[in-house]
Amino acid sequence: MAVYTQILYHIIWGTVNQEPVLDQDRQGDLYRFLMGKLQDQGCNVCTIGGFQDHVHILTAIRPDHALQGLVSYLKEASADWIRDNEVFPAFQGWQPGFGAFSCSWQSRGSLSNYIESQSEHHLYRTFQEEMEEMLTQSGVNFSSNCLV
């Protein structure tokens, strides 16, 4: 019997203490690394982007993947890659936790545009402000002191 799914997630995580250590000139290398890891896991990647202190991923995942496990794998593999290759010298690690929001397939174009325009977007607000707005819009109960 065939199984057909479309489980699309907008996944976000930040650097330790939201330090702006992801230098723009090497961010593309990080995104390509993450894309490769996601594709190795059978994920259909729409967009990866971010800013100096966080990463956004828009991807469809297989139904046999546990979201927590996939994100932990990506964070651990990318942290090792960053350290082993000295990609971002000031990188101290990823902040514990992450945000993940289910998305409709029809919204992927606007979400991809949003992710690709992070450098312009963060001229006006911080990563914490961005996360608080996403959590509020999604109806997620949270404490702002847990986001730092």
N, C-alpha and C. Protein backbone atom coordinates (compact mmCIF):
# COMPACT_ATOMS: atom_id res chain seq x y z
N MET A 1 0.84 -1.17 0.00
CA MET A 1 0.00 0.00 0.00
C MET A 1 0.89 1.24 0.00
N ALA A 2 0.57 2.20 -0.82
CA ALA A 2 1.34 3.44 -0.91
C ALA A 2 0.93 4.40 0.21
N VAL A 3 1.89 5.20 0.66
CA VAL A 3 1.64 6.24 1.65
C VAL A 3 2.00 7.57 1.01
N TYR A 4 1.07 8.48 1.01
CA TYR A 4 1.29 9.80 0.42
C TYR A 4 1.15 10.86 1.50
N THR A 5 2.18 11.66 1.66
CA THR A 5 2.14 12.73 2.66
C THR A 5 2.81 13.98 2.11
N GLN A 6 2.49 15.09 2.72
CA GLN A 6 3.18 16.34 2.47
C GLN A 6 3.25 17.05 3.83
N ILE A 7 4.31 16.80 4.56
CA ILE A 7 4.48 17.35 5.90
C ILE A 7 5.56 18.43 5.80
N LEU A 8 5.11 19.67 5.67
CA LEU A 8 6.01 20.81 5.45
C LEU A 8 6.19 21.57 6.75
N TYR A 9 7.45 21.79 7.11
CA TYR A 9 7.78 22.51 8.34
C TYR A 9 8.67 23.71 8.05
N HIS A 10 8.42 24.77 8.81
CA HIS A 10 9.32 25.93 8.89
C HIS A 10 10.03 25.76 10.23
N ILE A 11 11.32 25.47 10.16
CA ILE A 11 12.12 25.16 11.35
C ILE A 11 13.13 26.29 11.56
N ILE A 12 13.26 26.73 12.81
CA ILE A 12 14.16 27.83 13.14
C ILE A 12 14.93 27.49 14.41
N TRP A 13 16.22 27.80 14.41
CA TRP A 13 17.01 27.72 15.65
C TRP A 13 18.10 28.77 15.61
N GLY A 14 18.60 29.11 16.78
CA GLY A 14 19.58 30.19 16.88
C GLY A 14 20.91 29.73 17.46
N THR A 15 21.86 30.64 17.42
CA THR A 15 23.17 30.42 18.02
C THR A 15 23.07 30.62 19.53
N VAL A 16 24.03 30.10 20.26
CA VAL A 16 24.09 30.29 21.71
C VAL A 16 24.06 31.78 22.01
N ASN A 17 23.18 32.16 22.92
CA ASN A 17 23.02 33.55 23.35
C ASN A 17 22.72 34.50 22.19
N GLN A 18 22.23 33.95 21.09
CA GLN A 18 21.89 34.75 19.90
C GLN A 18 23.07 35.62 19.45
N GLU A 19 24.26 35.07 19.59
CA GLU A 19 25.45 35.79 19.15
C GLU A 19 25.49 35.85 17.62
N PRO A 20 25.79 37.02 17.05
CA PRO A 20 25.83 37.17 15.59
C PRO A 20 27.14 36.67 14.98
N VAL A 21 27.34 35.35 15.00
CA VAL A 21 28.63 34.76 14.62
C VAL A 21 28.61 34.09 13.24
N LEU A 22 27.44 34.00 12.62
CA LEU A 22 27.35 33.35 11.31
C LEU A 22 27.65 34.40 10.24
N ASP A 23 28.94 34.56 9.95
CA ASP A 23 29.38 35.57 8.99
C ASP A 23 28.73 35.36 7.63
N GLN A 24 28.27 36.46 7.06
CA GLN A 24 27.50 36.40 5.82
C GLN A 24 28.27 35.72 4.68
N ASP A 25 29.58 35.90 4.62
CA ASP A 25 30.34 35.34 3.51
C ASP A 25 30.41 33.82 3.53
N ARG A 26 30.09 33.17 4.66
CA ARG A 26 30.11 31.71 4.75
C ARG A 26 28.74 31.09 5.01
N GLN A 27 27.70 31.92 5.14
CA GLN A 27 26.37 31.39 5.40
C GLN A 27 25.92 30.43 4.30
N GLY A 28 26.21 30.74 3.06
CA GLY A 28 25.83 29.86 1.96
C GLY A 28 26.43 28.47 2.09
N ASP A 29 27.66 28.39 2.59
CA ASP A 29 28.28 27.08 2.82
C ASP A 29 27.51 26.29 3.87
N LEU A 30 27.08 26.96 4.93
CA LEU A 30 26.30 26.31 5.98
C LEU A 30 24.97 25.81 5.41
N TYR A 31 24.31 26.63 4.62
CA TYR A 31 23.01 26.25 4.06
C TYR A 31 23.16 25.07 3.10
N ARG A 32 24.22 25.04 2.32
CA ARG A 32 24.45 23.90 1.43
C ARG A 32 24.73 22.63 2.24
N PHE A 33 25.48 22.76 3.32
CA PHE A 33 25.74 21.61 4.18
C PHE A 33 24.42 21.07 4.74
N LEU A 34 23.59 21.96 5.29
CA LEU A 34 22.31 21.55 5.85
C LEU A 34 21.41 20.92 4.78
N MET A 35 21.41 21.50 3.59
CA MET A 35 20.60 20.95 2.50
C MET A 35 21.03 19.52 2.19
N GLY A 36 22.33 19.29 2.12
CA GLY A 36 22.84 17.95 1.86
C GLY A 36 22.41 16.97 2.93
N LYS A 37 22.49 17.38 4.19
CA LYS A 37 22.08 16.50 5.29
C LYS A 37 20.59 16.19 5.22
N LEU A 38 19.78 17.19 4.91
CA LEU A 38 18.34 16.97 4.77
C LEU A 38 18.03 16.04 3.60
N GLN A 39 18.68 16.27 2.48
CA GLN A 39 18.46 15.40 1.32
C GLN A 39 18.90 13.98 1.61
N ASP A 40 20.00 13.81 2.36
CA ASP A 40 20.44 12.47 2.76
C ASP A 40 19.37 11.76 3.59
N GLN A 41 18.55 12.53 4.28
CA GLN A 41 17.47 11.97 5.11
C GLN A 41 16.16 11.82 4.34
N GLY A 42 16.21 12.09 3.03
CA GLY A 42 15.02 11.94 2.20
C GLY A 42 14.04 13.08 2.30
N CYS A 43 14.51 14.24 2.75
CA CYS A 43 13.65 15.41 2.88
C CYS A 43 13.64 16.21 1.58
N ASN A 44 12.50 16.81 1.28
CA ASN A 44 12.35 17.68 0.12
C ASN A 44 12.53 19.12 0.60
N VAL A 45 13.71 19.69 0.37
CA VAL A 45 14.05 21.02 0.89
C VAL A 45 13.54 22.10 -0.06
N CYS A 46 12.79 23.04 0.49
CA CYS A 46 12.31 24.18 -0.29
C CYS A 46 13.30 25.34 -0.22
N THR A 47 13.67 25.74 0.99
CA THR A 47 14.52 26.91 1.18
C THR A 47 15.27 26.79 2.50
N ILE A 48 16.52 27.27 2.50
CA ILE A 48 17.28 27.42 3.74
C ILE A 48 17.88 28.82 3.71
N GLY A 49 17.80 29.50 4.82
CA GLY A 49 18.36 30.85 4.91
C GLY A 49 18.54 31.22 6.37
N GLY A 50 18.74 32.48 6.61
CA GLY A 50 18.89 32.93 7.99
C GLY A 50 19.60 34.25 8.07
N PHE A 51 20.18 34.46 9.22
CA PHE A 51 20.89 35.70 9.49
C PHE A 51 22.09 35.36 10.36
N GLN A 52 22.74 36.34 10.93
CA GLN A 52 23.98 36.14 11.67
C GLN A 52 23.80 35.33 12.94
N ASP A 53 22.57 35.23 13.44
CA ASP A 53 22.35 34.54 14.72
C ASP A 53 21.32 33.42 14.66
N HIS A 54 20.85 33.06 13.47
CA HIS A 54 19.87 31.99 13.39
C HIS A 54 19.72 31.44 11.98
N VAL A 55 19.06 30.28 11.91
CA VAL A 55 18.84 29.56 10.66
C VAL A 55 17.35 29.28 10.51
N HIS A 56 16.85 29.41 9.27
CA HIS A 56 15.49 29.03 8.91
C HIS A 56 15.57 27.93 7.87
N ILE A 57 14.72 26.92 8.00
CA ILE A 57 14.64 25.84 7.02
C ILE A 57 13.17 25.62 6.70
N LEU A 58 12.86 25.57 5.43
CA LEU A 58 11.52 25.19 4.97
C LEU A 58 11.69 23.88 4.23
N THR A 59 11.15 22.81 4.80
CA THR A 59 11.37 21.48 4.23
C THR A 59 10.18 20.57 4.48
N ALA A 60 9.96 19.69 3.55
CA ALA A 60 9.01 18.60 3.75
C ALA A 60 9.78 17.42 4.31
N ILE A 61 9.23 16.78 5.31
CA ILE A 61 9.92 15.64 5.92
C ILE A 61 9.09 14.37 5.71
N ARG A 62 9.77 13.26 5.77
CA ARG A 62 9.10 11.97 5.62
C ARG A 62 8.29 11.68 6.88
N PRO A 63 7.21 10.93 6.75
CA PRO A 63 6.38 10.65 7.93
C PRO A 63 7.07 9.77 8.96
N ASP A 64 8.13 9.07 8.57
CA ASP A 64 8.82 8.22 9.53
C ASP A 64 9.92 8.96 10.29
N HIS A 65 10.07 10.25 10.04
CA HIS A 65 11.02 11.08 10.79
C HIS A 65 10.33 11.70 11.99
N ALA A 66 10.98 11.64 13.13
CA ALA A 66 10.54 12.40 14.30
C ALA A 66 11.18 13.78 14.19
N LEU A 67 10.39 14.81 14.26
CA LEU A 67 10.89 16.17 14.09
C LEU A 67 12.04 16.48 15.05
N GLN A 68 11.86 16.17 16.31
CA GLN A 68 12.91 16.44 17.32
C GLN A 68 14.22 15.76 16.94
N GLY A 69 14.14 14.51 16.53
CA GLY A 69 15.35 13.78 16.15
C GLY A 69 16.02 14.36 14.93
N LEU A 70 15.24 14.76 13.94
CA LEU A 70 15.80 15.35 12.72
C LEU A 70 16.50 16.66 13.04
N VAL A 71 15.87 17.52 13.81
CA VAL A 71 16.48 18.82 14.15
C VAL A 71 17.73 18.61 14.99
N SER A 72 17.68 17.72 15.95
CA SER A 72 18.87 17.43 16.77
C SER A 72 20.02 16.95 15.90
N TYR A 73 19.72 16.08 14.96
CA TYR A 73 20.73 15.58 14.02
C TYR A 73 21.34 16.73 13.22
N LEU A 74 20.49 17.62 12.69
CA LEU A 74 20.98 18.75 11.89
C LEU A 74 21.84 19.69 12.71
N LYS A 75 21.41 19.99 13.93
CA LYS A 75 22.17 20.90 14.78
C LYS A 75 23.52 20.29 15.17
N GLU A 76 23.51 19.02 15.53
CA GLU A 76 24.76 18.37 15.93
C GLU A 76 25.72 18.24 14.75
N ALA A 77 25.22 17.80 13.61
CA ALA A 77 26.08 17.63 12.43
C ALA A 77 26.65 18.96 11.97
N SER A 78 25.82 20.00 11.97
CA SER A 78 26.30 21.31 11.51
C SER A 78 27.28 21.92 12.50
N ALA A 79 27.05 21.75 13.80
CA ALA A 79 27.99 22.26 14.80
C ALA A 79 29.35 21.59 14.64
N ASP A 80 29.34 20.27 14.43
CA ASP A 80 30.60 19.55 14.21
C ASP A 80 31.30 20.05 12.95
N TRP A 81 30.54 20.22 11.88
CA TRP A 81 31.09 20.68 10.61
C TRP A 81 31.69 22.09 10.75
N ILE A 82 30.99 22.97 11.45
CA ILE A 82 31.47 24.34 11.67
C ILE A 82 32.79 24.32 12.43
N ARG A 83 32.84 23.53 13.49
CA ARG A 83 34.06 23.47 14.31
C ARG A 83 35.20 22.78 13.56
N ASP A 84 34.92 21.64 12.94
CA ASP A 84 35.97 20.89 12.24
C ASP A 84 36.59 21.67 11.09
N ASN A 85 35.78 22.49 10.42
CA ASN A 85 36.25 23.25 9.26
C ASN A 85 36.52 24.71 9.57
N GLU A 86 36.38 25.09 10.85
CA GLU A 86 36.63 26.47 11.29
C GLU A 86 35.90 27.48 10.41
N VAL A 87 34.63 27.17 10.15
CA VAL A 87 33.82 28.01 9.25
C VAL A 87 33.48 29.35 9.89
N PHE A 88 33.00 29.32 11.12
CA PHE A 88 32.66 30.54 11.86
C PHE A 88 33.50 30.52 13.14
N PRO A 89 34.63 31.22 13.17
CA PRO A 89 35.57 31.12 14.30
C PRO A 89 34.97 31.43 15.67
N ALA A 90 34.00 32.32 15.74
CA ALA A 90 33.43 32.70 17.04
C ALA A 90 32.24 31.82 17.44
N PHE A 91 31.88 30.85 16.63
CA PHE A 91 30.74 29.98 16.90
C PHE A 91 30.97 29.17 18.17
N GLN A 92 30.01 29.27 19.11
CA GLN A 92 30.10 28.53 20.37
C GLN A 92 29.10 27.39 20.43
N GLY A 93 28.24 27.29 19.46
CA GLY A 93 27.23 26.23 19.43
C GLY A 93 25.86 26.80 19.14
N TRP A 94 24.90 25.86 19.07
CA TRP A 94 23.52 26.25 18.84
C TRP A 94 22.79 26.35 20.17
N GLN A 95 21.87 27.26 20.25
CA GLN A 95 21.01 27.43 21.42
C GLN A 95 20.17 26.16 21.59
N PRO A 96 19.91 25.74 22.83
CA PRO A 96 19.02 24.59 23.02
C PRO A 96 17.63 24.90 22.46
N GLY A 97 16.97 23.89 21.98
CA GLY A 97 15.61 24.05 21.49
C GLY A 97 15.55 24.57 20.07
N PHE A 98 14.33 24.73 19.59
CA PHE A 98 14.07 25.21 18.24
C PHE A 98 12.60 25.56 18.14
N GLY A 99 12.25 26.23 17.06
CA GLY A 99 10.85 26.47 16.72
C GLY A 99 10.53 25.69 15.46
N ALA A 100 9.34 25.14 15.39
CA ALA A 100 8.91 24.44 14.18
C ALA A 100 7.42 24.69 14.00
N PHE A 101 7.08 25.05 12.79
CA PHE A 101 5.70 25.41 12.48
C PHE A 101 5.27 24.64 11.25
N SER A 102 4.13 23.97 11.34
CA SER A 102 3.61 23.28 10.16
C SER A 102 3.08 24.33 9.18
N CYS A 103 3.23 24.03 7.92
CA CYS A 103 2.89 25.00 6.88
C CYS A 103 2.07 24.32 5.78
N SER A 104 1.24 25.09 5.14
CA SER A 104 0.53 24.56 3.99
C SER A 104 1.44 24.59 2.77
N TRP A 105 1.23 23.66 1.88
CA TRP A 105 2.02 23.60 0.65
C TRP A 105 1.82 24.89 -0.16
N GLN A 106 0.63 25.46 -0.11
CA GLN A 106 0.33 26.68 -0.86
C GLN A 106 1.11 27.89 -0.33
N SER A 107 1.53 27.85 0.93
CA SER A 107 2.25 29.00 1.51
C SER A 107 3.76 28.94 1.27
N ARG A 108 4.26 27.88 0.63
CA ARG A 108 5.71 27.71 0.51
C ARG A 108 6.39 28.84 -0.26
N GLY A 109 5.73 29.42 -1.26
CA GLY A 109 6.33 30.52 -2.02
C GLY A 109 6.55 31.75 -1.16
N SER A 110 5.54 32.15 -0.42
CA SER A 110 5.68 33.34 0.44
C SER A 110 6.66 33.06 1.59
N LEU A 111 6.65 31.85 2.12
CA LEU A 111 7.60 31.51 3.18
C LEU A 111 9.03 31.48 2.66
N SER A 112 9.22 30.95 1.47
CA SER A 112 10.56 30.95 0.87
C SER A 112 11.06 32.37 0.68
N ASN A 113 10.19 33.26 0.20
CA ASN A 113 10.57 34.67 0.04
C ASN A 113 10.94 35.29 1.39
N TYR A 114 10.18 34.98 2.41
CA TYR A 114 10.45 35.49 3.75
C TYR A 114 11.82 35.02 4.23
N ILE A 115 12.12 33.74 4.05
CA ILE A 115 13.40 33.19 4.49
C ILE A 115 14.55 33.78 3.70
N GLU A 116 14.37 33.95 2.40
CA GLU A 116 15.44 34.49 1.56
C GLU A 116 15.70 35.97 1.81
N SER A 117 14.77 36.67 2.45
CA SER A 117 14.96 38.11 2.70
C SER A 117 15.31 38.41 4.15
N GLN A 118 15.92 37.45 4.84
CA GLN A 118 16.24 37.64 6.26
C GLN A 118 17.17 38.82 6.52
N SER A 119 18.16 39.05 5.65
CA SER A 119 19.10 40.14 5.93
C SER A 119 18.38 41.49 5.91
N GLU A 120 17.42 41.67 5.02
CA GLU A 120 16.66 42.92 5.00
C GLU A 120 15.69 42.97 6.18
N HIS A 121 15.06 41.85 6.46
CA HIS A 121 14.07 41.75 7.51
C HIS A 121 14.67 42.12 8.88
N HIS A 122 15.91 41.69 9.12
CA HIS A 122 16.51 41.91 10.45
C HIS A 122 17.20 43.26 10.58
N LEU A 123 17.01 44.14 9.64
CA LEU A 123 17.41 45.52 9.84
C LEU A 123 16.46 46.20 10.81
N TYR A 124 15.24 45.63 10.95
CA TYR A 124 14.18 46.28 11.71
C TYR A 124 13.79 45.58 12.99
N ARG A 125 14.14 44.30 13.13
CA ARG A 125 13.80 43.61 14.37
C ARG A 125 14.74 42.45 14.63
N THR A 126 14.79 42.08 15.90
CA THR A 126 15.72 41.04 16.33
C THR A 126 15.14 39.65 16.09
N PHE A 127 16.00 38.66 16.22
CA PHE A 127 15.58 37.27 16.13
C PHE A 127 14.54 36.97 17.21
N GLN A 128 14.76 37.45 18.43
CA GLN A 128 13.80 37.21 19.51
C GLN A 128 12.44 37.80 19.17
N GLU A 129 12.42 39.01 18.65
CA GLU A 129 11.15 39.63 18.26
C GLU A 129 10.47 38.82 17.15
N GLU A 130 11.25 38.33 16.22
CA GLU A 130 10.72 37.51 15.13
C GLU A 130 10.09 36.23 15.69
N MET A 131 10.80 35.54 16.59
CA MET A 131 10.28 34.30 17.17
C MET A 131 9.02 34.56 17.99
N GLU A 132 9.02 35.63 18.78
CA GLU A 132 7.83 35.94 19.58
C GLU A 132 6.62 36.16 18.69
N GLU A 133 6.82 36.86 17.57
CA GLU A 133 5.71 37.09 16.66
C GLU A 133 5.22 35.79 16.03
N MET A 134 6.15 34.92 15.60
CA MET A 134 5.75 33.64 15.02
C MET A 134 5.00 32.79 16.02
N LEU A 135 5.48 32.73 17.26
CA LEU A 135 4.83 31.95 18.29
C LEU A 135 3.44 32.49 18.59
N THR A 136 3.32 33.80 18.69
CA THR A 136 2.03 34.42 18.96
C THR A 136 1.05 34.15 17.82
N GLN A 137 1.50 34.35 16.58
CA GLN A 137 0.63 34.12 15.42
C GLN A 137 0.21 32.66 15.32
N SER A 138 1.03 31.75 15.82
CA SER A 138 0.73 30.32 15.76
C SER A 138 -0.06 29.82 16.96
N GLY A 139 -0.33 30.71 17.93
CA GLY A 139 -1.09 30.32 19.10
C GLY A 139 -0.30 29.48 20.09
N VAL A 140 1.02 29.62 20.09
CA VAL A 140 1.87 28.86 21.01
C VAL A 140 2.08 29.65 22.29
N ASN A 141 1.79 29.01 23.42
CA ASN A 141 2.07 29.65 24.71
C ASN A 141 3.55 29.57 24.99
N PHE A 142 4.14 30.69 25.40
CA PHE A 142 5.59 30.73 25.64
C PHE A 142 5.91 31.81 26.64
N SER A 143 7.09 31.73 27.18
CA SER A 143 7.64 32.76 28.06
C SER A 143 8.80 33.39 27.33
N SER A 144 8.80 34.70 27.18
CA SER A 144 9.87 35.36 26.41
C SER A 144 11.24 35.16 27.04
N ASN A 145 11.30 34.92 28.37
CA ASN A 145 12.63 34.70 28.97
C ASN A 145 13.19 33.32 28.59
N CYS A 146 12.37 32.45 28.03
CA CYS A 146 12.87 31.13 27.57
C CYS A 146 13.46 31.22 26.17
N LEU A 147 13.24 32.33 25.48
CA LEU A 147 13.73 32.46 24.10
C LEU A 147 15.16 32.96 24.04
N VAL A 148 15.67 33.52 25.11
CA VAL A 148 17.01 34.10 25.12
C VAL A 148 18.04 33.03 25.35
